Amino acid sequence: MPFVHVEYSERLAETFDRQAFARDVHAAAPGIVDAPAAAFKSRFRRIEESYFGEGEDDIDAVFVQLSILTGRTQEARERLAETVRDLTLKHVTAPQGRRLHVMVEVREMERESYRFHKD
């Protein structure tokens, strides 16, 4: 914990350096939310199909959702979202003739109800 969930348009598979993105997020975010880098877990999913606005078909997107435990300030959550947005833009480019949309959301998980197991 924290979790970094990333969904990205299939067309971005070749232009999104996911490993470098995860490495940079795992390096930058701990200082913002006071969590050890070893606790961060990132996963990526390709979006095969999507629909934007009124059917605009020249958009590729990256959706990032960060799940963190409660207790961080609003300022820290905003700074985390902005940092991750900037890192996303650093590591992905839209194919020629297409537009890129990047959305980042920081969600809080209740400490009292979060459980985990690791060996």
Protein backbone atom coordinates (compact mmCIF):
# COMPACT_ATOMS: atom_id res chain seq x y z
CA MET A 1 0.00 0.00 0.00
CA PRO A 2 -0.27 2.61 -1.67
CA PHE A 3 -1.69 1.19 -4.88
CA VAL A 4 -1.19 2.75 -8.30
CA HIS A 5 -3.82 1.56 -10.79
CA VAL A 6 -3.15 2.59 -14.38
CA GLU A 7 -5.44 2.04 -17.36
CA TYR A 8 -4.21 3.17 -20.75
CA SER A 9 -5.45 3.12 -24.34
CA GLU A 10 -4.19 0.17 -26.31
CA ARG A 11 -2.63 2.51 -28.90
CA LEU A 12 -0.27 3.80 -26.19
CA ALA A 13 1.31 0.40 -25.55
CA GLU A 14 4.34 1.29 -27.66
CA THR A 15 4.77 4.87 -26.42
CA PHE A 16 4.13 4.42 -22.69
CA ASP A 17 7.24 3.43 -20.74
CA ARG A 18 5.37 1.80 -17.89
CA GLN A 19 8.39 0.49 -16.00
CA ALA A 20 10.06 3.91 -15.97
CA PHE A 21 6.76 5.51 -14.92
CA ALA A 22 6.36 3.08 -12.00
CA ARG A 23 9.99 3.53 -10.98
CA ASP A 24 9.60 7.33 -10.94
CA VAL A 25 6.29 7.23 -9.05
CA HIS A 26 7.75 4.83 -6.47
CA ALA A 27 10.68 7.25 -6.04
CA ALA A 28 8.73 10.53 -5.92
CA ALA A 29 5.53 9.68 -4.05
CA PRO A 30 6.87 8.37 -0.72
CA GLY A 31 8.10 11.80 0.32
CA ILE A 32 4.74 13.33 -0.49
CA VAL A 33 2.53 10.88 1.42
CA ASP A 34 5.02 9.64 4.02
CA ALA A 35 4.99 6.00 2.94
CA PRO A 36 7.99 3.76 2.23
CA ALA A 37 8.84 3.16 -1.44
CA ALA A 38 8.75 -0.60 -0.78
CA ALA A 39 5.04 -0.32 0.05
CA PHE A 40 4.04 1.01 -3.40
CA LYS A 41 2.44 -1.42 -5.83
CA SER A 42 1.64 -0.51 -9.43
CA ARG A 43 -0.42 -2.39 -12.00
CA PHE A 44 -1.27 -1.61 -15.59
CA ARG A 45 -4.23 -2.52 -17.77
CA ARG A 46 -4.75 -1.84 -21.45
CA ILE A 47 -8.07 -0.39 -22.51
CA GLU A 48 -9.22 -2.15 -25.65
CA GLU A 49 -12.19 0.10 -26.26
CA SER A 50 -13.36 3.47 -24.98
CA TYR A 51 -15.75 6.24 -25.90
CA PHE A 52 -15.04 9.94 -25.32
CA GLY A 53 -17.34 12.94 -25.37
CA GLU A 54 -19.64 12.78 -28.35
CA GLY A 55 -17.75 10.00 -30.05
CA GLU A 56 -14.41 11.71 -30.58
CA ASP A 57 -12.15 9.03 -32.02
CA ASP A 58 -8.75 10.79 -31.99
CA ILE A 59 -8.15 10.57 -28.23
CA ASP A 60 -5.95 8.15 -26.32
CA ALA A 61 -6.06 8.24 -22.55
CA VAL A 62 -4.26 7.29 -19.39
CA PHE A 63 -6.32 6.99 -16.21
CA VAL A 64 -4.33 6.78 -12.97
CA GLN A 65 -5.94 6.07 -9.64
CA LEU A 66 -3.85 6.16 -6.48
CA SER A 67 -5.27 4.44 -3.41
CA ILE A 68 -3.72 5.63 -0.16
CA LEU A 69 -4.65 5.17 3.46
CA THR A 70 -6.51 7.98 5.21
CA GLY A 71 -4.67 10.63 7.16
CA ARG A 72 -2.92 12.69 4.47
CA THR A 73 -3.65 16.38 4.10
CA GLN A 74 -5.60 17.77 1.15
CA GLU A 75 -2.40 19.54 0.10
CA ALA A 76 -0.46 16.25 0.07
CA ARG A 77 -3.18 14.52 -1.98
CA GLU A 78 -3.22 17.39 -4.49
CA ARG A 79 0.58 17.41 -4.73
CA LEU A 80 0.57 13.64 -5.27
CA ALA A 81 -1.99 13.95 -8.08
CA GLU A 82 -0.02 16.73 -9.76
CA THR A 83 3.28 14.86 -9.45
CA VAL A 84 1.82 11.68 -10.92
CA ARG A 85 0.17 13.64 -13.74
CA ASP A 86 3.52 15.20 -14.61
CA LEU A 87 5.29 11.82 -14.46
CA THR A 88 2.65 10.32 -16.72
CA LEU A 89 3.23 13.07 -19.28
CA LYS A 90 6.97 12.44 -19.03
CA HIS A 91 6.61 8.75 -19.88
CA VAL A 92 3.86 8.62 -22.52
CA THR A 93 3.29 10.32 -25.84
CA ALA A 94 0.30 10.16 -28.12
CA PRO A 95 0.80 8.64 -31.56
CA GLN A 96 1.02 11.19 -34.35
CA GLY A 97 -2.34 12.73 -35.20
CA ARG A 98 -3.92 11.74 -31.89
CA ARG A 99 -4.63 13.64 -28.67
CA LEU A 100 -3.59 12.50 -25.21
CA HIS A 101 -5.79 12.87 -22.14
CA VAL A 102 -4.31 12.13 -18.71
CA MET A 103 -6.51 11.88 -15.63
CA VAL A 104 -5.25 11.28 -12.08
CA GLU A 105 -7.36 10.65 -9.01
CA VAL A 106 -6.20 10.12 -5.43
CA ARG A 107 -8.56 8.04 -3.31
CA GLU A 108 -8.37 7.31 0.37
CA MET A 109 -8.92 3.88 1.89
CA GLU A 110 -10.07 3.60 5.49
CA ARG A 111 -7.23 2.39 7.70
CA GLU A 112 -9.65 0.54 9.93
CA SER A 113 -10.92 -1.70 7.16
CA TYR A 114 -7.71 -2.29 5.17
CA ARG A 115 -6.13 -5.73 5.57
CA PHE A 116 -3.27 -7.46 3.80
CA HIS A 117 -1.08 -10.54 3.90
CA LYS A 118 2.44 -11.05 2.62
CA ASP A 119 4.95 -13.84 2.99
